[in-house]
């Protein structure tokens, strides 16, 4: 045979699941985008078209929705663990299950002081607004024995309006950038962190608390670092998480440098950068892209360098 089959997987991608939990009149929302990928003894379906080992992708979709009802959604990680365990243990040909989940956050709408019989009264606990902040992510991989959980977030936009500099860099004949001793530092954080929980015999992290605390330490490090480079800020963000959260061994960042340039207002007889403030042009492209992994000492990196391959 002149060719052979390489790595392969199949499943149902982007199953949008919204789970409403009713605690009396108070409702709670979990909004997920779940993708399932299964791999194992699947050679024959490729070579001969035999579906004897194939669990239909439609079945994987149905399982996602049924499990949302049967098990609930305590956290994205826990839900993914339920799914991965099910696929590997219930289907002999399936050797590895990978579950990718994006979670979209909602917050309760604050109500008015209107009379209790009015729309918008303070006893309304079922109205929500979609948060316009980050998207939470997780990837659960299970091979029947070991777990790998890589969680994180994307599109978390942050800005420091001062306490950022950039100077002392290499200059060549093509360098036109002026050194900056007080600049805006802004980025859209994409981060993935790997948990050191790998076995059912180990104590499982509290996934919701871990996410909230990792996010908090990340933001605090961004705000509290007097930055001489975005690379320095990235390292401080990662270090703060590794040092503060014992369940996390590795974190990888991809940070675009969202440039803000002072606008030349001299043609209009205006001085721009003054003690009262300044006006900037927010440029969306091209942008610098800073990427790096921060590790616990002695730990081998396992998060892919190219986050698009997660």
Foldseek 3Di string as FASTA:
>chain_A
DPDADDDDKDAAFFQWDWDWDDPDLAIDIWTKGKTKIWDFPDRCCVVPVDCPQPDDNVVLSVVLHVCCVVVNPLDPVVSQVVSFLCVCVVGPRTQKMKMKMKIWDKDFDQADCDPPVDPRHRVRNPHIDTDPAKIKIWMWMDRPFWIKIKIWIWQGKDKDQWLEWEDPDDDDPPDDDDGGPTHMWIWIKTKIWIFPGIGPVDDDDSVVVLHVVLVVLLVVLLHPDSYHDVQVSVQSSQVSSVVPPVRTFKMKIKIWGFDWAFDDCVVVVDDADDPVHHDTDGDPDDTDIDIDMDGDPPDDDDQDRPVVVD
